[in-house]
N, C-alpha and C. Protein backbone atom coordinates (compact mmCIF):
# COMPACT_ATOMS: atom_id res chain seq x y z
N UNK A 1 0.83 -1.17 0.00
CA UNK A 1 0.00 0.00 0.00
C UNK A 1 0.88 1.24 0.00
N UNK A 2 0.52 2.20 -0.82
CA UNK A 2 1.33 3.41 -0.83
C UNK A 2 0.87 4.36 0.27
N UNK A 3 1.61 5.45 0.44
CA UNK A 3 1.35 6.40 1.52
C UNK A 3 -0.03 7.03 1.40
N UNK A 4 -0.49 7.27 0.18
CA UNK A 4 -1.81 7.88 -0.02
C UNK A 4 -2.93 6.98 0.51
N UNK A 5 -2.83 5.68 0.24
CA UNK A 5 -3.82 4.74 0.76
C UNK A 5 -3.75 4.68 2.28
N UNK A 6 -2.55 4.72 2.84
CA UNK A 6 -2.40 4.71 4.29
C UNK A 6 -3.06 5.93 4.93
N UNK A 7 -3.00 7.07 4.23
CA UNK A 7 -3.64 8.27 4.77
C UNK A 7 -5.16 8.16 4.72
N UNK A 8 -5.70 7.48 3.70
CA UNK A 8 -7.15 7.34 3.59
C UNK A 8 -7.69 6.37 4.64
N UNK A 9 -7.03 5.22 4.79
CA UNK A 9 -7.47 4.25 5.79
C UNK A 9 -7.24 4.86 7.17
N UNK A 10 -8.29 4.96 7.93
CA UNK A 10 -8.21 5.57 9.25
C UNK A 10 -8.60 7.04 9.25
N UNK A 11 -8.92 7.58 8.08
CA UNK A 11 -9.34 8.98 8.01
C UNK A 11 -10.84 9.10 8.31
N UNK A 12 -11.29 10.31 8.52
CA UNK A 12 -12.72 10.55 8.75
C UNK A 12 -13.55 10.02 7.58
N UNK A 13 -13.06 10.23 6.35
CA UNK A 13 -13.80 9.77 5.17
C UNK A 13 -13.91 8.26 5.14
N UNK A 14 -12.84 7.59 5.50
CA UNK A 14 -12.84 6.12 5.54
C UNK A 14 -13.93 5.63 6.50
N UNK A 15 -13.95 6.20 7.71
CA UNK A 15 -14.93 5.76 8.70
C UNK A 15 -16.34 6.19 8.31
N UNK A 16 -16.48 7.34 7.66
CA UNK A 16 -17.80 7.78 7.20
C UNK A 16 -18.34 6.82 6.14
N UNK A 17 -17.48 6.40 5.23
CA UNK A 17 -17.90 5.45 4.19
C UNK A 17 -18.24 4.10 4.82
N UNK A 18 -17.42 3.65 5.75
CA UNK A 18 -17.70 2.38 6.44
C UNK A 18 -19.02 2.48 7.21
N UNK A 19 -19.23 3.61 7.91
CA UNK A 19 -20.47 3.81 8.65
C UNK A 19 -21.67 3.76 7.70
N UNK A 20 -21.59 4.48 6.59
CA UNK A 20 -22.70 4.51 5.63
C UNK A 20 -22.99 3.12 5.08
N UNK A 21 -21.93 2.39 4.72
CA UNK A 21 -22.11 1.03 4.21
C UNK A 21 -22.74 0.11 5.23
N UNK A 22 -22.25 0.17 6.47
CA UNK A 22 -22.80 -0.67 7.53
C UNK A 22 -24.24 -0.27 7.86
N UNK A 23 -24.53 1.02 7.81
CA UNK A 23 -25.89 1.49 8.07
C UNK A 23 -26.85 0.94 7.02
N UNK A 24 -26.43 0.95 5.78
CA UNK A 24 -27.26 0.40 4.70
C UNK A 24 -27.46 -1.10 4.92
N UNK A 25 -26.39 -1.81 5.25
CA UNK A 25 -26.49 -3.25 5.50
C UNK A 25 -27.43 -3.54 6.66
N UNK A 26 -27.28 -2.78 7.76
CA UNK A 26 -28.14 -2.98 8.93
C UNK A 26 -29.61 -2.70 8.58
N UNK A 27 -29.84 -1.66 7.79
CA UNK A 27 -31.21 -1.33 7.39
C UNK A 27 -31.80 -2.44 6.53
N UNK A 28 -31.00 -2.95 5.59
CA UNK A 28 -31.48 -4.04 4.74
C UNK A 28 -31.77 -5.29 5.55
N UNK A 29 -30.91 -5.59 6.52
CA UNK A 29 -31.15 -6.74 7.41
C UNK A 29 -32.46 -6.55 8.16
N UNK A 30 -32.65 -5.35 8.72
CA UNK A 30 -33.86 -5.09 9.51
C UNK A 30 -35.13 -5.18 8.66
N UNK A 31 -35.05 -4.72 7.42
CA UNK A 31 -36.25 -4.69 6.57
C UNK A 31 -36.55 -6.00 5.86
N UNK A 32 -35.50 -6.72 5.46
CA UNK A 32 -35.73 -7.84 4.54
C UNK A 32 -35.27 -9.21 5.03
N UNK A 33 -34.49 -9.28 6.09
CA UNK A 33 -33.98 -10.57 6.54
C UNK A 33 -34.76 -11.00 7.78
N UNK A 34 -35.41 -12.15 7.65
CA UNK A 34 -36.22 -12.66 8.76
C UNK A 34 -35.86 -14.12 9.00
N UNK A 35 -34.61 -14.33 9.36
CA UNK A 35 -34.13 -15.69 9.57
C UNK A 35 -33.73 -15.87 11.03
N UNK A 36 -33.09 -16.98 11.32
CA UNK A 36 -32.72 -17.29 12.70
C UNK A 36 -31.24 -17.05 12.99
N UNK A 37 -30.49 -16.49 12.02
CA UNK A 37 -29.07 -16.26 12.28
C UNK A 37 -28.63 -14.83 11.94
N UNK A 38 -28.82 -14.43 10.69
CA UNK A 38 -28.30 -13.13 10.25
C UNK A 38 -28.93 -11.99 11.04
N UNK A 39 -30.24 -11.94 11.08
CA UNK A 39 -30.89 -10.83 11.76
C UNK A 39 -30.59 -10.79 13.26
N UNK A 40 -30.76 -11.88 13.99
CA UNK A 40 -30.54 -11.77 15.43
C UNK A 40 -29.07 -11.74 15.86
N UNK A 41 -28.18 -12.35 15.09
CA UNK A 41 -26.79 -12.43 15.54
C UNK A 41 -25.86 -11.53 14.73
N UNK A 42 -25.85 -11.65 13.43
CA UNK A 42 -24.94 -10.84 12.61
C UNK A 42 -25.28 -9.36 12.72
N UNK A 43 -26.55 -9.03 12.84
CA UNK A 43 -26.95 -7.64 13.02
C UNK A 43 -26.34 -7.05 14.27
N UNK A 44 -26.29 -7.83 15.35
CA UNK A 44 -25.71 -7.36 16.61
C UNK A 44 -24.19 -7.27 16.54
N UNK A 45 -23.57 -8.17 15.80
CA UNK A 45 -22.11 -8.10 15.60
C UNK A 45 -21.78 -6.83 14.83
N UNK A 46 -22.54 -6.57 13.78
CA UNK A 46 -22.27 -5.41 12.92
C UNK A 46 -22.60 -4.08 13.59
N UNK A 47 -23.59 -4.06 14.48
CA UNK A 47 -24.01 -2.78 15.06
C UNK A 47 -22.92 -2.15 15.91
N UNK A 48 -22.11 -2.95 16.61
CA UNK A 48 -21.03 -2.35 17.40
C UNK A 48 -19.93 -1.80 16.49
N UNK A 49 -19.71 -2.45 15.37
CA UNK A 49 -18.75 -1.93 14.39
C UNK A 49 -19.28 -0.63 13.79
N UNK A 50 -20.58 -0.57 13.55
CA UNK A 50 -21.24 0.64 13.07
C UNK A 50 -21.04 1.79 14.06
N UNK A 51 -21.27 1.54 15.34
CA UNK A 51 -21.09 2.57 16.37
C UNK A 51 -19.63 3.00 16.43
N UNK A 52 -18.72 2.06 16.37
CA UNK A 52 -17.28 2.37 16.38
C UNK A 52 -16.93 3.30 15.21
N UNK A 53 -17.40 2.96 14.02
CA UNK A 53 -17.12 3.80 12.84
C UNK A 53 -17.73 5.18 13.00
N UNK A 54 -18.91 5.27 13.57
CA UNK A 54 -19.55 6.56 13.79
C UNK A 54 -18.70 7.43 14.71
N UNK A 55 -18.23 6.88 15.80
CA UNK A 55 -17.39 7.65 16.74
C UNK A 55 -16.10 8.08 16.06
N UNK A 56 -15.51 7.19 15.26
CA UNK A 56 -14.24 7.49 14.60
C UNK A 56 -14.36 8.57 13.52
N UNK A 57 -15.57 8.85 13.06
CA UNK A 57 -15.76 9.97 12.15
C UNK A 57 -15.37 11.27 12.84
N UNK A 58 -15.66 11.37 14.12
CA UNK A 58 -15.46 12.60 14.88
C UNK A 58 -14.15 12.62 15.67
N UNK A 59 -13.66 11.45 16.02
CA UNK A 59 -12.41 11.36 16.79
C UNK A 59 -11.41 10.59 15.94
N UNK A 60 -10.44 11.31 15.40
CA UNK A 60 -9.52 10.68 14.45
C UNK A 60 -8.27 10.11 15.10
N UNK A 61 -7.93 10.60 16.27
CA UNK A 61 -6.72 10.05 16.90
C UNK A 61 -7.02 8.63 17.41
N UNK A 62 -6.02 7.79 17.38
CA UNK A 62 -6.24 6.41 17.84
C UNK A 62 -6.66 6.36 19.31
N UNK A 63 -7.68 5.62 19.58
CA UNK A 63 -8.17 5.43 20.94
C UNK A 63 -8.12 3.94 21.26
N UNK A 64 -7.14 3.56 22.01
CA UNK A 64 -6.89 2.15 22.30
C UNK A 64 -8.11 1.45 22.92
N UNK A 65 -8.82 2.15 23.79
CA UNK A 65 -9.90 1.52 24.54
C UNK A 65 -11.28 1.78 23.96
N UNK A 66 -11.35 2.42 22.80
CA UNK A 66 -12.66 2.70 22.20
C UNK A 66 -13.50 1.44 21.99
N UNK A 67 -12.93 0.32 21.54
CA UNK A 67 -13.77 -0.88 21.42
C UNK A 67 -14.42 -1.30 22.74
N UNK A 68 -13.70 -1.13 23.84
CA UNK A 68 -14.28 -1.45 25.15
C UNK A 68 -15.43 -0.51 25.47
N UNK A 69 -15.24 0.78 25.20
CA UNK A 69 -16.31 1.76 25.46
C UNK A 69 -17.53 1.47 24.59
N UNK A 70 -17.32 1.08 23.36
CA UNK A 70 -18.44 0.72 22.48
C UNK A 70 -19.16 -0.50 23.02
N UNK A 71 -18.40 -1.49 23.47
CA UNK A 71 -19.00 -2.69 24.06
C UNK A 71 -19.83 -2.33 25.29
N UNK A 72 -19.28 -1.49 26.17
CA UNK A 72 -20.01 -1.09 27.38
C UNK A 72 -21.27 -0.29 27.03
N UNK A 73 -21.18 0.55 26.01
CA UNK A 73 -22.36 1.29 25.54
C UNK A 73 -23.43 0.30 25.07
N UNK A 74 -23.04 -0.69 24.28
CA UNK A 74 -23.99 -1.69 23.80
C UNK A 74 -24.61 -2.46 24.97
N UNK A 75 -23.80 -2.76 25.96
CA UNK A 75 -24.33 -3.46 27.15
C UNK A 75 -25.31 -2.58 27.92
N UNK A 76 -25.07 -1.28 27.95
CA UNK A 76 -26.02 -0.35 28.59
C UNK A 76 -27.36 -0.37 27.87
N UNK A 77 -27.31 -0.35 26.54
CA UNK A 77 -28.55 -0.43 25.76
C UNK A 77 -29.27 -1.74 26.05
N UNK A 78 -28.49 -2.81 26.14
CA UNK A 78 -29.09 -4.13 26.44
C UNK A 78 -29.71 -4.13 27.84
N UNK A 79 -29.07 -3.45 28.78
CA UNK A 79 -29.62 -3.33 30.13
C UNK A 79 -30.94 -2.55 30.10
N UNK A 80 -30.99 -1.50 29.28
CA UNK A 80 -32.25 -0.77 29.11
C UNK A 80 -33.35 -1.71 28.60
N UNK A 81 -32.97 -2.63 27.72
CA UNK A 81 -33.95 -3.59 27.21
C UNK A 81 -34.43 -4.50 28.33
N UNK A 82 -33.50 -4.95 29.17
CA UNK A 82 -33.86 -5.80 30.30
C UNK A 82 -34.84 -5.09 31.24
N UNK A 83 -34.60 -3.79 31.44
CA UNK A 83 -35.43 -3.00 32.34
C UNK A 83 -36.72 -2.49 31.68
N UNK A 84 -36.91 -2.85 30.38
CA UNK A 84 -38.09 -2.40 29.63
C UNK A 84 -38.19 -0.87 29.64
N UNK A 85 -37.04 -0.21 29.40
CA UNK A 85 -36.93 1.24 29.45
C UNK A 85 -37.91 1.94 28.52
N UNK A 86 -38.07 1.39 27.32
CA UNK A 86 -38.97 2.02 26.34
C UNK A 86 -40.38 2.11 26.91
N UNK A 87 -40.82 1.07 27.59
CA UNK A 87 -42.15 1.08 28.20
C UNK A 87 -42.16 1.98 29.44
N UNK A 88 -41.10 1.94 30.23
CA UNK A 88 -41.04 2.76 31.44
C UNK A 88 -41.19 4.25 31.16
N UNK A 89 -40.61 4.71 30.06
CA UNK A 89 -40.69 6.14 29.73
C UNK A 89 -41.85 6.45 28.78
N UNK A 90 -42.70 5.47 28.51
CA UNK A 90 -43.90 5.69 27.72
C UNK A 90 -43.67 5.79 26.22
N UNK A 91 -42.60 5.19 25.72
CA UNK A 91 -42.30 5.24 24.28
C UNK A 91 -42.61 3.94 23.56
N UNK A 92 -43.41 3.08 24.16
CA UNK A 92 -43.70 1.78 23.56
C UNK A 92 -44.41 1.88 22.21
N UNK A 93 -45.06 3.01 21.93
CA UNK A 93 -45.73 3.19 20.65
C UNK A 93 -44.88 3.94 19.63
N UNK A 94 -43.67 4.32 20.03
CA UNK A 94 -42.76 5.05 19.14
C UNK A 94 -41.84 4.04 18.44
N UNK A 95 -42.07 3.86 17.15
CA UNK A 95 -41.30 2.87 16.39
C UNK A 95 -39.80 3.17 16.43
N UNK A 96 -39.42 4.43 16.30
CA UNK A 96 -38.00 4.80 16.31
C UNK A 96 -37.35 4.41 17.64
N UNK A 97 -38.01 4.69 18.75
CA UNK A 97 -37.48 4.34 20.07
C UNK A 97 -37.35 2.82 20.21
N UNK A 98 -38.33 2.11 19.72
CA UNK A 98 -38.30 0.64 19.81
C UNK A 98 -37.17 0.06 18.97
N UNK A 99 -36.90 0.67 17.81
CA UNK A 99 -35.84 0.18 16.94
C UNK A 99 -34.47 0.54 17.51
N UNK A 100 -34.29 1.78 17.92
CA UNK A 100 -32.99 2.25 18.40
C UNK A 100 -32.62 1.63 19.75
N UNK A 101 -33.56 1.64 20.68
CA UNK A 101 -33.27 1.12 22.02
C UNK A 101 -33.56 -0.36 22.16
N UNK A 102 -34.37 -0.90 21.30
CA UNK A 102 -34.71 -2.31 21.38
C UNK A 102 -35.73 -2.58 22.47
N UNK A 103 -36.25 -3.79 22.45
CA UNK A 103 -37.30 -4.14 23.40
C UNK A 103 -37.11 -5.47 24.09
N UNK A 104 -36.14 -6.27 23.65
CA UNK A 104 -36.00 -7.59 24.27
C UNK A 104 -34.54 -7.87 24.63
N UNK A 105 -34.33 -8.22 25.88
CA UNK A 105 -33.00 -8.54 26.39
C UNK A 105 -32.59 -9.95 25.99
N UNK A 106 -31.30 -10.11 25.70
CA UNK A 106 -30.76 -11.45 25.42
C UNK A 106 -29.28 -11.47 25.77
N UNK A 107 -28.87 -12.50 26.49
CA UNK A 107 -27.44 -12.68 26.78
C UNK A 107 -26.66 -12.91 25.49
N UNK A 108 -27.31 -13.52 24.51
CA UNK A 108 -26.64 -13.76 23.23
C UNK A 108 -26.29 -12.46 22.53
N UNK A 109 -27.10 -11.44 22.73
CA UNK A 109 -26.77 -10.13 22.15
C UNK A 109 -25.45 -9.62 22.71
N UNK A 110 -25.25 -9.78 24.00
CA UNK A 110 -24.01 -9.33 24.63
C UNK A 110 -22.82 -10.11 24.08
N UNK A 111 -23.02 -11.41 23.85
CA UNK A 111 -21.96 -12.22 23.23
C UNK A 111 -21.65 -11.68 21.83
N UNK A 112 -22.69 -11.37 21.07
CA UNK A 112 -22.50 -10.83 19.72
C UNK A 112 -21.77 -9.48 19.76
N UNK A 113 -22.10 -8.64 20.73
CA UNK A 113 -21.39 -7.36 20.85
C UNK A 113 -19.91 -7.60 21.12
N UNK A 114 -19.60 -8.56 21.96
CA UNK A 114 -18.20 -8.88 22.26
C UNK A 114 -17.49 -9.38 21.00
N UNK A 115 -18.16 -10.24 20.25
CA UNK A 115 -17.57 -10.77 19.00
C UNK A 115 -17.32 -9.63 18.02
N UNK A 116 -18.24 -8.67 17.94
CA UNK A 116 -18.07 -7.54 17.04
C UNK A 116 -16.96 -6.59 17.49
N UNK A 117 -16.77 -6.45 18.78
CA UNK A 117 -15.75 -5.54 19.30
C UNK A 117 -14.35 -6.14 19.28
N UNK A 118 -14.23 -7.44 19.35
CA UNK A 118 -12.90 -8.07 19.39
C UNK A 118 -11.99 -7.65 18.24
N UNK A 119 -12.43 -7.74 16.99
CA UNK A 119 -11.51 -7.34 15.91
C UNK A 119 -11.17 -5.85 15.94
N UNK A 120 -12.01 -5.04 16.57
CA UNK A 120 -11.73 -3.60 16.64
C UNK A 120 -10.50 -3.30 17.48
N UNK A 121 -10.18 -4.18 18.42
CA UNK A 121 -8.97 -4.00 19.23
C UNK A 121 -7.70 -4.13 18.40
N UNK A 122 -7.81 -4.82 17.27
CA UNK A 122 -6.63 -5.09 16.45
C UNK A 122 -6.48 -4.13 15.28
N UNK A 123 -7.44 -3.23 15.15
CA UNK A 123 -7.35 -2.23 14.08
C UNK A 123 -6.33 -1.18 14.48
N UNK A 124 -5.37 -0.98 13.64
CA UNK A 124 -4.36 0.04 13.86
C UNK A 124 -4.46 1.08 12.76
N UNK A 125 -4.25 2.30 13.13
CA UNK A 125 -4.33 3.35 12.12
C UNK A 125 -3.14 3.26 11.21
């Protein structure tokens, strides 16, 4: 790889393009995939990578522990699901809140978040 490619990989544009691509994939999974593997598991693996790319659009310096923070953020969202947060705050009829925050807790989701965050620890700028 030449120096120009090295400058692009790890840049804001690189992460913005990755975020956009993953967002499209996640949207397509949510709308059209109704199976027992891709939607419930691969979607959760990809969502933490999506969040990581989103953060990296705004923070360009290497952050060694960012994958851990993304994992903990995902676990917080999962905890909200366990506590039925959407219902507690009266947003059960709001489709956007139900999609973004989720409505059902699963230990497997936490495993998927960990699987998605693991390779992020090895990404070097």
